Amino acid sequence: MKRSFYCFLWILTLLGCEDVIEVEVPEEPPRLIVDALIRIDVSQSFQLVQVRVGLTDSFFGQIPPATVEQITITNVDMPSTFENPNSIVLLESEPGVYERGKNTDFFTTGELVLQIDYEGQRYLARTRFVPTVPIDSLRQGDGTLFEGDETEVVVQFTDADSRDDYYLFDFDFDEYLVTEDEFYQGQQFTFSYFYDNNLEPGREVEIKILGVDEPFYNYMDQLIEQSGDFQGPFQTPSATVRGNIINVTDIDNIDAFDNVDKPDNFALGYFAVSQEFRRTITIE
């Protein structure tokens, strides 16, 4: 009995000697996160566009929405009239989500400038509409990779031979892939995409193809590579990848649009306007 009592005291002594280890989490002032990927369906004469704005939080925290003073999109190459102004002011539809509609030509012709005013700071980004090609076909394959329970989807599309194309594929579930036509320009191209989770039969999956320019292609490629299982352009990246949304508050000349004096003063995210085609496949 005494031996058992002494053993119990020894265990308590060991437990009492445990040190509390505090892990220092990297912190920095909150930074704007902007999801301004605008998807255009050119078969429609009117587009309802959306921009999402959030803030970086703690290392393990969720992304809180941000309320900004104003978000505008301006077509600098479009004549402005009272009936058809060359800019739109996006309105907040829910916390952190800003929307507005405009005719399709506004987004597909000319240079577009995104402006965000937030807490006395002004952020700008420039872009142009990028076209793409439709998806020729989708079919479910029976191939697997490593675990053996992946779901294969075979995608086929025909590249345009009149230009150098960059593509962003949105495979639903916040899964993305980028590709360029360097080795298949003007040809029909077929590739397989594997879903890690075993999708149940009857599940509909919507796959989109978007046209992007080379800078946005490089940006998305870095995000996908650095974050592994990429969770969408609105999520905080594992590393600070610079997009095209810069802080121009102290820039006097709008033509000096490179912010070279303050290279770290930018918002996370990207402003892009892309043609999009969609196709749906039902998992068997």
C-alpha atoms as a PDB file:
ATOM      1  CA  MET A   1       0.000   0.000   0.000  1.00  0.00           C
ATOM      2  CA  LYS A   2       2.841   2.411   0.901  1.00  0.00           C
ATOM      3  CA  ARG A   3       4.609   1.582  -2.359  1.00  0.00           C
ATOM      4  CA  SER A   4       1.464   2.455  -4.326  1.00  0.00           C
ATOM      5  CA  PHE A   5       1.122   5.718  -2.411  1.00  0.00           C
ATOM      6  CA  TYR A   6       4.737   6.720  -3.148  1.00  0.00           C
ATOM      7  CA  CYS A   7       4.308   5.882  -6.837  1.00  0.00           C
ATOM      8  CA  PHE A   8       1.235   8.111  -6.944  1.00  0.00           C
ATOM      9  CA  LEU A   9       3.179  11.006  -5.401  1.00  0.00           C
ATOM     10  CA  TRP A  10       6.000  10.506  -7.937  1.00  0.00           C
ATOM     11  CA  ILE A  11       3.543  10.722 -10.852  1.00  0.00           C
ATOM     12  CA  LEU A  12       2.048  13.937  -9.452  1.00  0.00           C
ATOM     13  CA  THR A  13       5.546  15.392  -9.121  1.00  0.00           C
ATOM     14  CA  LEU A  14       6.297  14.636 -12.788  1.00  0.00           C
ATOM     15  CA  LEU A  15       3.030  16.198 -13.926  1.00  0.00           C
ATOM     16  CA  GLY A  16       3.744  19.272 -11.839  1.00  0.00           C
ATOM     17  CA  CYS A  17       7.111  19.769 -13.549  1.00  0.00           C
ATOM     18  CA  GLU A  18       5.666  20.134 -17.047  1.00  0.00           C
ATOM     19  CA  ASP A  19       6.600  23.442 -18.666  1.00  0.00           C
ATOM     20  CA  VAL A  20       4.067  25.508 -20.592  1.00  0.00           C
ATOM     21  CA  ILE A  21       5.480  26.214 -24.047  1.00  0.00           C
ATOM     22  CA  GLU A  22       4.247  29.410 -25.631  1.00  0.00           C
ATOM     23  CA  VAL A  23       4.343  29.475 -29.402  1.00  0.00           C
ATOM     24  CA  GLU A  24       4.960  32.880 -30.898  1.00  0.00           C
ATOM     25  CA  VAL A  25       2.592  33.408 -33.798  1.00  0.00           C
ATOM     26  CA  PRO A  26       3.730  35.839 -36.499  1.00  0.00           C
ATOM     27  CA  GLU A  27       1.619  38.990 -36.409  1.00  0.00           C
ATOM     28  CA  GLU A  28       1.347  42.027 -38.643  1.00  0.00           C
ATOM     29  CA  PRO A  29      -1.208  44.820 -39.041  1.00  0.00           C
ATOM     30  CA  PRO A  30      -4.409  43.686 -40.812  1.00  0.00           C
ATOM     31  CA  ARG A  31      -4.129  43.799 -44.564  1.00  0.00           C
ATOM     32  CA  LEU A  32      -6.967  44.068 -47.076  1.00  0.00           C
ATOM     33  CA  ILE A  33      -7.849  40.897 -48.990  1.00  0.00           C
ATOM     34  CA  VAL A  34      -9.670  41.564 -52.263  1.00  0.00           C
ATOM     35  CA  ASP A  35     -11.333  38.936 -54.433  1.00  0.00           C
ATOM     36  CA  ALA A  36     -12.017  40.893 -57.615  1.00  0.00           C
ATOM     37  CA  LEU A  37     -12.048  38.091 -60.178  1.00  0.00           C
ATOM     38  CA  ILE A  38     -14.952  39.134 -62.403  1.00  0.00           C
ATOM     39  CA  ARG A  39     -16.363  36.384 -64.593  1.00  0.00           C
ATOM     40  CA  ILE A  40     -18.041  37.472 -67.822  1.00  0.00           C
ATOM     41  CA  ASP A  41     -20.615  35.503 -69.827  1.00  0.00           C
ATOM     42  CA  VAL A  42     -20.519  37.267 -73.197  1.00  0.00           C
ATOM     43  CA  SER A  43     -23.775  35.606 -74.257  1.00  0.00           C
ATOM     44  CA  GLN A  44     -25.533  37.939 -71.823  1.00  0.00           C
ATOM     45  CA  SER A  45     -25.986  41.648 -72.503  1.00  0.00           C
ATOM     46  CA  PHE A  46     -25.892  42.555 -68.798  1.00  0.00           C
ATOM     47  CA  GLN A  47     -23.473  41.481 -66.077  1.00  0.00           C
ATOM     48  CA  LEU A  48     -23.925  41.521 -62.293  1.00  0.00           C
ATOM     49  CA  VAL A  49     -20.391  41.731 -60.911  1.00  0.00           C
ATOM     50  CA  GLN A  50     -19.175  41.137 -57.382  1.00  0.00           C
ATOM     51  CA  VAL A  51     -16.098  42.098 -55.343  1.00  0.00           C
ATOM     52  CA  ARG A  52     -15.389  40.575 -51.916  1.00  0.00           C
ATOM     53  CA  VAL A  53     -13.282  42.408 -49.355  1.00  0.00           C
ATOM     54  CA  GLY A  54     -11.874  41.012 -46.111  1.00  0.00           C
ATOM     55  CA  LEU A  55      -9.047  41.532 -43.652  1.00  0.00           C
ATOM     56  CA  THR A  56      -6.182  39.323 -42.587  1.00  0.00           C
ATOM     57  CA  ASP A  57      -6.576  38.124 -39.022  1.00  0.00           C
ATOM     58  CA  SER A  58      -4.418  36.115 -36.648  1.00  0.00           C
ATOM     59  CA  PHE A  59      -2.453  33.161 -37.996  1.00  0.00           C
ATOM     60  CA  PHE A  60      -5.204  30.698 -37.073  1.00  0.00           C
ATOM     61  CA  GLY A  61      -8.152  33.075 -37.340  1.00  0.00           C
ATOM     62  CA  GLN A  62     -10.987  33.331 -39.803  1.00  0.00           C
ATOM     63  CA  ILE A  63     -11.109  36.087 -42.410  1.00  0.00           C
ATOM     64  CA  PRO A  64     -13.484  38.826 -41.214  1.00  0.00           C
ATOM     65  CA  PRO A  65     -15.312  40.892 -43.847  1.00  0.00           C
ATOM     66  CA  ALA A  66     -14.230  44.485 -44.348  1.00  0.00           C
ATOM     67  CA  THR A  67     -16.455  47.514 -44.742  1.00  0.00           C
ATOM     68  CA  VAL A  68     -14.954  50.054 -47.125  1.00  0.00           C
ATOM     69  CA  GLU A  69     -15.949  53.616 -47.927  1.00  0.00           C
ATOM     70  CA  GLN A  70     -16.358  52.980 -51.649  1.00  0.00           C
ATOM     71  CA  ILE A  71     -15.543  50.576 -54.471  1.00  0.00           C
ATOM     72  CA  THR A  72     -15.705  51.802 -58.065  1.00  0.00           C
ATOM     73  CA  ILE A  73     -14.881  50.292 -61.449  1.00  0.00           C
ATOM     74  CA  THR A  74     -14.105  52.735 -64.255  1.00  0.00           C
ATOM     75  CA  ASN A  75     -13.626  52.105 -67.960  1.00  0.00           C
ATOM     76  CA  VAL A  76     -11.038  54.755 -68.803  1.00  0.00           C
ATOM     77  CA  ASP A  77     -11.393  54.200 -72.575  1.00  0.00           C
ATOM     78  CA  MET A  78     -15.172  54.589 -72.637  1.00  0.00           C
ATOM     79  CA  PRO A  79     -16.832  57.971 -73.254  1.00  0.00           C
ATOM     80  CA  SER A  80     -18.952  58.991 -70.285  1.00  0.00           C
ATOM     81  CA  THR A  81     -22.453  60.360 -70.733  1.00  0.00           C
ATOM     82  CA  PHE A  82     -25.269  61.131 -68.340  1.00  0.00           C
ATOM     83  CA  GLU A  83     -27.257  58.180 -69.656  1.00  0.00           C
ATOM     84  CA  ASN A  84     -24.271  55.823 -69.768  1.00  0.00           C
ATOM     85  CA  PRO A  85     -21.481  56.818 -67.336  1.00  0.00           C
ATOM     86  CA  ASN A  86     -18.079  55.194 -67.661  1.00  0.00           C
ATOM     87  CA  SER A  87     -17.931  54.115 -63.998  1.00  0.00           C
ATOM     88  CA  ILE A  88     -20.033  52.200 -61.507  1.00  0.00           C
ATOM     89  CA  VAL A  89     -20.125  52.329 -57.714  1.00  0.00           C
ATOM     90  CA  LEU A  90     -20.538  48.890 -56.160  1.00  0.00           C
ATOM     91  CA  LEU A  91     -23.034  48.600 -53.303  1.00  0.00           C
ATOM     92  CA  GLU A  92     -22.692  46.389 -50.235  1.00  0.00           C
ATOM     93  CA  SER A  93     -25.172  43.502 -50.485  1.00  0.00           C
ATOM     94  CA  GLU A  94     -23.889  41.713 -47.363  1.00  0.00           C
ATOM     95  CA  PRO A  95     -20.887  42.220 -45.069  1.00  0.00           C
ATOM     96  CA  GLY A  96     -17.763  42.349 -47.229  1.00  0.00           C
ATOM     97  CA  VAL A  97     -19.633  41.737 -50.514  1.00  0.00           C
ATOM     98  CA  TYR A  98     -20.109  44.578 -53.029  1.00  0.00           C
ATOM     99  CA  GLU A  99     -22.163  44.236 -56.233  1.00  0.00           C
ATOM    100  CA  ARG A 100     -23.398  46.233 -59.192  1.00  0.00           C
ATOM    101  CA  GLY A 101     -24.689  45.555 -62.696  1.00  0.00           C
ATOM    102  CA  LYS A 102     -23.642  47.051 -66.009  1.00  0.00           C
ATOM    103  CA  ASN A 103     -23.893  46.283 -69.716  1.00  0.00           C
ATOM    104  CA  THR A 104     -21.430  43.677 -70.984  1.00  0.00           C
ATOM    105  CA  ASP A 105     -19.583  46.031 -73.352  1.00  0.00           C
ATOM    106  CA  PHE A 106     -18.473  48.076 -70.348  1.00  0.00           C
ATOM    107  CA  PHE A 107     -16.381  45.121 -69.123  1.00  0.00           C
ATOM    108  CA  THR A 108     -15.190  43.678 -72.436  1.00  0.00           C
ATOM    109  CA  THR A 109     -13.902  46.811 -74.213  1.00  0.00           C
ATOM    110  CA  GLY A 110     -11.218  49.151 -72.890  1.00  0.00           C
ATOM    111  CA  GLU A 111      -9.025  49.379 -69.796  1.00  0.00           C
ATOM    112  CA  LEU A 112     -10.739  48.912 -66.439  1.00  0.00           C
ATOM    113  CA  VAL A 113      -9.611  50.488 -63.168  1.00  0.00           C
ATOM    114  CA  LEU A 114     -10.707  49.222 -59.768  1.00  0.00           C
ATOM    115  CA  GLN A 115     -10.587  51.752 -56.923  1.00  0.00           C
ATOM    116  CA  ILE A 116     -11.120  50.895 -53.250  1.00  0.00           C
ATOM    117  CA  ASP A 117     -11.224  53.577 -50.546  1.00  0.00           C
ATOM    118  CA  TYR A 118     -10.602  52.186 -47.071  1.00  0.00           C
ATOM    119  CA  GLU A 119      -9.760  54.040 -43.848  1.00  0.00           C
ATOM    120  CA  GLY A 120      -8.237  57.023 -45.632  1.00  0.00           C
ATOM    121  CA  GLN A 121      -6.200  54.820 -47.980  1.00  0.00           C
ATOM    122  CA  ARG A 122      -6.791  54.410 -51.706  1.00  0.00           C
ATOM    123  CA  TYR A 123      -6.080  51.185 -53.589  1.00  0.00           C
ATOM    124  CA  LEU A 124      -6.037  50.862 -57.377  1.00  0.00           C
ATOM    125  CA  ALA A 125      -5.683  48.056 -59.904  1.00  0.00           C
ATOM    126  CA  ARG A 126      -5.839  47.961 -63.688  1.00  0.00           C
ATOM    127  CA  THR A 127      -6.810  45.195 -66.062  1.00  0.00           C
ATOM    128  CA  ARG A 128      -8.415  44.337 -69.395  1.00  0.00           C
ATOM    129  CA  PHE A 129     -10.913  41.704 -70.398  1.00  0.00           C
ATOM    130  CA  VAL A 130      -9.342  38.381 -71.411  1.00  0.00           C
ATOM    131  CA  PRO A 131     -11.272  36.015 -73.711  1.00  0.00           C
ATOM    132  CA  THR A 132     -11.198  32.230 -73.619  1.00  0.00           C
ATOM    133  CA  VAL A 133     -12.518  29.190 -75.491  1.00  0.00           C
ATOM    134  CA  PRO A 134     -15.355  26.841 -74.480  1.00  0.00           C
ATOM    135  CA  ILE A 135     -14.923  23.359 -73.057  1.00  0.00           C
ATOM    136  CA  ASP A 136     -15.469  20.827 -75.839  1.00  0.00           C
ATOM    137  CA  SER A 137     -16.358  17.890 -73.614  1.00  0.00           C
ATOM    138  CA  LEU A 138     -16.273  16.444 -70.103  1.00  0.00           C
ATOM    139  CA  ARG A 139     -16.326  12.771 -69.228  1.00  0.00           C
ATOM    140  CA  GLN A 140     -15.613  10.685 -66.186  1.00  0.00           C
ATOM    141  CA  GLY A 141     -12.590   8.416 -66.367  1.00  0.00           C
ATOM    142  CA  ASP A 142     -11.689   5.352 -64.327  1.00  0.00           C
ATOM    143  CA  GLY A 143      -8.072   6.259 -63.540  1.00  0.00           C
ATOM    144  CA  THR A 144      -6.647   6.817 -60.069  1.00  0.00           C
ATOM    145  CA  LEU A 145      -3.490   8.314 -58.584  1.00  0.00           C
ATOM    146  CA  PHE A 146      -2.203   7.401 -55.121  1.00  0.00           C
ATOM    147  CA  GLU A 147      -5.025   6.492 -52.772  1.00  0.00           C
ATOM    148  CA  GLY A 148      -7.052   4.586 -55.330  1.00  0.00           C
ATOM    149  CA  ASP A 149     -10.346   6.281 -54.536  1.00  0.00           C
ATOM    150  CA  GLU A 150      -9.881   9.500 -56.528  1.00  0.00           C
ATOM    151  CA  THR A 151     -12.447  10.596 -59.098  1.00  0.00           C
ATOM    152  CA  GLU A 152     -11.059  11.300 -62.572  1.00  0.00           C
ATOM    153  CA  VAL A 153     -12.645  13.869 -64.876  1.00  0.00           C
ATOM    154  CA  VAL A 154     -11.317  14.159 -68.431  1.00  0.00           C
ATOM    155  CA  VAL A 155     -11.465  17.673 -69.900  1.00  0.00           C
ATOM    156  CA  GLN A 156     -11.125  18.520 -73.579  1.00  0.00           C
ATOM    157  CA  PHE A 157     -10.928  21.969 -75.202  1.00  0.00           C
ATOM    158  CA  THR A 158      -9.552  23.513 -78.403  1.00  0.00           C
ATOM    159  CA  ASP A 159      -7.027  26.327 -78.082  1.00  0.00           C
ATOM    160  CA  ALA A 160      -7.276  29.402 -80.312  1.00  0.00           C
ATOM    161  CA  ASP A 161      -4.373  29.600 -82.758  1.00  0.00           C
ATOM    162  CA  SER A 162      -4.481  33.391 -83.191  1.00  0.00           C
ATOM    163  CA  ARG A 163      -3.035  34.326 -79.775  1.00  0.00           C
ATOM    164  CA  ASP A 164      -1.029  33.131 -76.792  1.00  0.00           C
ATOM    165  CA  ASP A 165      -3.551  31.887 -74.257  1.00  0.00           C
ATOM    166  CA  TYR A 166      -3.464  31.340 -70.506  1.00  0.00           C
ATOM    167  CA  TYR A 167      -6.251  29.471 -68.779  1.00  0.00           C
ATOM    168  CA  LEU A 168      -7.617  29.175 -65.258  1.00  0.00           C
ATOM    169  CA  PHE A 169      -9.777  26.107 -64.571  1.00  0.00           C
ATOM    170  CA  ASP A 170     -12.215  26.213 -61.666  1.00  0.00           C
ATOM    171  CA  PHE A 171     -13.047  22.625 -60.733  1.00  0.00           C
ATOM    172  CA  ASP A 172     -15.638  23.492 -58.080  1.00  0.00           C
ATOM    173  CA  PHE A 173     -15.029  22.981 -54.334  1.00  0.00           C
ATOM    174  CA  ASP A 174     -12.431  25.818 -54.489  1.00  0.00           C
ATOM    175  CA  GLU A 175     -10.052  23.669 -56.564  1.00  0.00           C
ATOM    176  CA  TYR A 176      -8.102  25.416 -59.322  1.00  0.00           C
ATOM    177  CA  LEU A 177      -5.598  24.661 -62.073  1.00  0.00           C
ATOM    178  CA  VAL A 178      -3.709  26.895 -64.508  1.00  0.00           C
ATOM    179  CA  THR A 179      -2.298  25.990 -67.900  1.00  0.00           C
ATOM    180  CA  GLU A 180      -0.830  27.801 -70.914  1.00  0.00           C
ATOM    181  CA  ASP A 181      -0.909  26.873 -74.590  1.00  0.00           C
ATOM    182  CA  GLU A 182       2.861  26.865 -75.213  1.00  0.00           C
ATOM    183  CA  PHE A 183       2.848  23.194 -76.265  1.00  0.00           C
ATOM    184  CA  TYR A 184      -0.645  22.901 -77.767  1.00  0.00           C
ATOM    185  CA  GLN A 185      -1.308  26.245 -79.441  1.00  0.00           C
ATOM    186  CA  GLY A 186      -4.175  26.002 -81.918  1.00  0.00           C
ATOM    187  CA  GLN A 187      -4.737  22.331 -81.100  1.00  0.00           C
ATOM    188  CA  GLN A 188      -7.301  20.306 -79.214  1.00  0.00           C
ATOM    189  CA  PHE A 189      -5.985  19.471 -75.759  1.00  0.00           C
ATOM    190  CA  THR A 190      -7.147  16.735 -73.389  1.00  0.00           C
ATOM    191  CA  PHE A 191      -6.115  16.262 -69.769  1.00  0.00           C
ATOM    192  CA  SER A 192      -7.312  14.538 -66.603  1.00  0.00           C
ATOM    193  CA  TYR A 193      -8.112  16.138 -63.268  1.00  0.00           C
ATOM    194  CA  PHE A 194      -8.377  14.017 -60.129  1.00  0.00           C
ATOM    195  CA  TYR A 195     -10.549  14.868 -57.139  1.00  0.00           C
ATOM    196  CA  ASP A 196      -9.018  13.623 -53.899  1.00  0.00           C
ATOM    197  CA  ASN A 197     -12.380  13.000 -52.313  1.00  0.00           C
ATOM    198  CA  ASN A 198     -14.432  10.147 -53.710  1.00  0.00           C
ATOM    199  CA  LEU A 199     -17.432  11.989 -55.129  1.00  0.00           C
ATOM    200  CA  GLU A 200     -20.678  10.121 -54.616  1.00  0.00           C
ATOM    201  CA  PRO A 201     -22.713   8.969 -57.659  1.00  0.00           C
ATOM    202  CA  GLY A 202     -25.290  11.486 -58.783  1.00  0.00           C
ATOM    203  CA  ARG A 203     -23.214  14.463 -57.618  1.00  0.00           C
ATOM    204  CA  GLU A 204     -23.169  17.290 -60.163  1.00  0.00           C
ATOM    205  CA  VAL A 205     -19.818  19.048 -60.638  1.00  0.00           C
ATOM    206  CA  GLU A 206     -19.623  22.353 -62.500  1.00  0.00           C
ATOM    207  CA  ILE A 207     -16.303  23.029 -64.219  1.00  0.00           C
ATOM    208  CA  LYS A 208     -15.360  26.462 -65.579  1.00  0.00           C
ATOM    209  CA  ILE A 209     -12.679  27.653 -67.961  1.00  0.00           C
ATOM    210  CA  LEU A 210     -11.539  31.285 -67.697  1.00  0.00           C
ATOM    211  CA  GLY A 211      -9.219  33.343 -69.839  1.00  0.00           C
ATOM    212  CA  VAL A 212      -6.432  35.082 -67.925  1.00  0.00           C
ATOM    213  CA  ASP A 213      -3.409  37.163 -68.846  1.00  0.00           C
ATOM    214  CA  GLU A 214       0.169  36.137 -68.080  1.00  0.00           C
ATOM    215  CA  PRO A 215       0.558  38.150 -64.811  1.00  0.00           C
ATOM    216  CA  PHE A 216      -2.629  36.671 -63.348  1.00  0.00           C
ATOM    217  CA  TYR A 217      -1.581  33.213 -64.540  1.00  0.00           C
ATOM    218  CA  ASN A 218       1.721  33.604 -62.664  1.00  0.00           C
ATOM    219  CA  TYR A 219      -0.076  34.897 -59.574  1.00  0.00           C
ATOM    220  CA  MET A 220      -2.479  31.959 -59.432  1.00  0.00           C
ATOM    221  CA  ASP A 221       0.323  29.500 -60.165  1.00  0.00           C
ATOM    222  CA  GLN A 222       2.257  30.799 -57.139  1.00  0.00           C
ATOM    223  CA  LEU A 223      -0.790  30.608 -54.880  1.00  0.00           C
ATOM    224  CA  ILE A 224      -1.634  27.058 -55.907  1.00  0.00           C
ATOM    225  CA  GLU A 225       1.981  25.923 -55.537  1.00  0.00           C
ATOM    226  CA  GLN A 226       2.600  27.554 -52.158  1.00  0.00           C
ATOM    227  CA  SER A 227      -0.686  26.694 -50.521  1.00  0.00           C
ATOM    228  CA  GLY A 228      -0.932  23.048 -51.627  1.00  0.00           C
ATOM    229  CA  ASP A 229      -4.658  22.402 -51.351  1.00  0.00           C
ATOM    230  CA  PHE A 230      -5.616  25.834 -52.644  1.00  0.00           C
ATOM    231  CA  GLN A 231      -8.789  27.164 -51.050  1.00  0.00           C
ATOM    232  CA  GLY A 232      -9.657  29.970 -53.423  1.00  0.00           C
ATOM    233  CA  PRO A 233      -8.344  33.470 -54.186  1.00  0.00           C
ATOM    234  CA  PHE A 234     -10.282  35.023 -51.255  1.00  0.00           C
ATOM    235  CA  GLN A 235      -8.432  32.970 -48.640  1.00  0.00           C
ATOM    236  CA  THR A 236      -5.250  34.146 -46.924  1.00  0.00           C
ATOM    237  CA  PRO A 237      -2.292  32.644 -48.837  1.00  0.00           C
ATOM    238  CA  SER A 238       0.384  30.720 -46.953  1.00  0.00           C
ATOM    239  CA  ALA A 239       2.895  33.272 -48.189  1.00  0.00           C
ATOM    240  CA  THR A 240       2.361  36.921 -49.076  1.00  0.00           C
ATOM    241  CA  VAL A 241       1.964  36.800 -52.854  1.00  0.00           C
ATOM    242  CA  ARG A 242       1.684  40.228 -54.390  1.00  0.00           C
ATOM    243  CA  GLY A 243      -1.203  40.783 -56.769  1.00  0.00           C
ATOM    244  CA  ASN A 244      -1.981  43.886 -58.808  1.00  0.00           C
ATOM    245  CA  ILE A 245      -3.874  45.915 -56.159  1.00  0.00           C
ATOM    246  CA  ILE A 246      -1.530  48.602 -54.803  1.00  0.00           C
ATOM    247  CA  ASN A 247      -1.862  51.465 -52.358  1.00  0.00           C
ATOM    248  CA  VAL A 248      -1.649  54.722 -54.311  1.00  0.00           C
ATOM    249  CA  THR A 249      -2.512  57.105 -51.469  1.00  0.00           C
ATOM    250  CA  ASP A 250       0.831  58.930 -51.644  1.00  0.00           C
ATOM    251  CA  ILE A 251       1.387  58.661 -55.397  1.00  0.00           C
ATOM    252  CA  ASP A 252       0.938  62.115 -56.976  1.00  0.00           C
ATOM    253  CA  ASN A 253       1.209  61.047 -60.617  1.00  0.00           C
ATOM    254  CA  ILE A 254      -1.289  58.399 -61.686  1.00  0.00           C
ATOM    255  CA  ASP A 255       1.050  57.435 -64.540  1.00  0.00           C
ATOM    256  CA  ALA A 256       3.615  56.338 -61.920  1.00  0.00           C
ATOM    257  CA  PHE A 257       1.551  53.265 -61.201  1.00  0.00           C
ATOM    258  CA  ASP A 258       4.238  50.985 -59.819  1.00  0.00           C
ATOM    259  CA  ASN A 259       4.450  52.092 -56.168  1.00  0.00           C
ATOM    260  CA  VAL A 260       8.212  51.526 -56.220  1.00  0.00           C
ATOM    261  CA  ASP A 261       8.849  53.615 -53.103  1.00  0.00           C
ATOM    262  CA  LYS A 262       6.572  51.429 -50.945  1.00  0.00           C
ATOM    263  CA  PRO A 263       6.741  47.916 -52.407  1.00  0.00           C
ATOM    264  CA  ASP A 264       5.102  46.301 -49.361  1.00  0.00           C
ATOM    265  CA  ASN A 265       2.078  48.598 -49.290  1.00  0.00           C
ATOM    266  CA  PHE A 266      -0.479  46.589 -51.211  1.00  0.00           C
ATOM    267  CA  ALA A 267      -3.649  44.578 -50.721  1.00  0.00           C
ATOM    268  CA  LEU A 268      -3.735  40.812 -51.032  1.00  0.00           C
ATOM    269  CA  GLY A 269      -5.749  39.582 -53.974  1.00  0.00           C
ATOM    270  CA  TYR A 270      -6.175  40.389 -57.637  1.00  0.00           C
ATOM    271  CA  PHE A 271      -8.378  42.341 -60.035  1.00  0.00           C
ATOM    272  CA  ALA A 272      -9.083  40.441 -63.248  1.00  0.00           C
ATOM    273  CA  VAL A 273     -11.909  40.391 -65.794  1.00  0.00           C
ATOM    274  CA  SER A 274     -12.216  37.036 -67.545  1.00  0.00           C
ATOM    275  CA  GLN A 275     -14.519  35.419 -70.037  1.00  0.00           C
ATOM    276  CA  GLU A 276     -15.910  32.210 -68.585  1.00  0.00           C
ATOM    277  CA  PHE A 277     -17.527  29.088 -70.011  1.00  0.00           C
ATOM    278  CA  ARG A 278     -19.159  26.420 -67.832  1.00  0.00           C
ATOM    279  CA  ARG A 279     -20.062  22.768 -68.231  1.00  0.00           C
ATOM    280  CA  THR A 280     -21.569  20.324 -65.771  1.00  0.00           C
ATOM    281  CA  ILE A 281     -20.862  16.628 -65.342  1.00  0.00           C
ATOM    282  CA  THR A 282     -22.832  14.161 -63.216  1.00  0.00           C
ATOM    283  CA  ILE A 283     -20.684  11.665 -61.344  1.00  0.00           C
ATOM    284  CA  GLU A 284     -21.600   8.046 -62.019  1.00  0.00           C
END
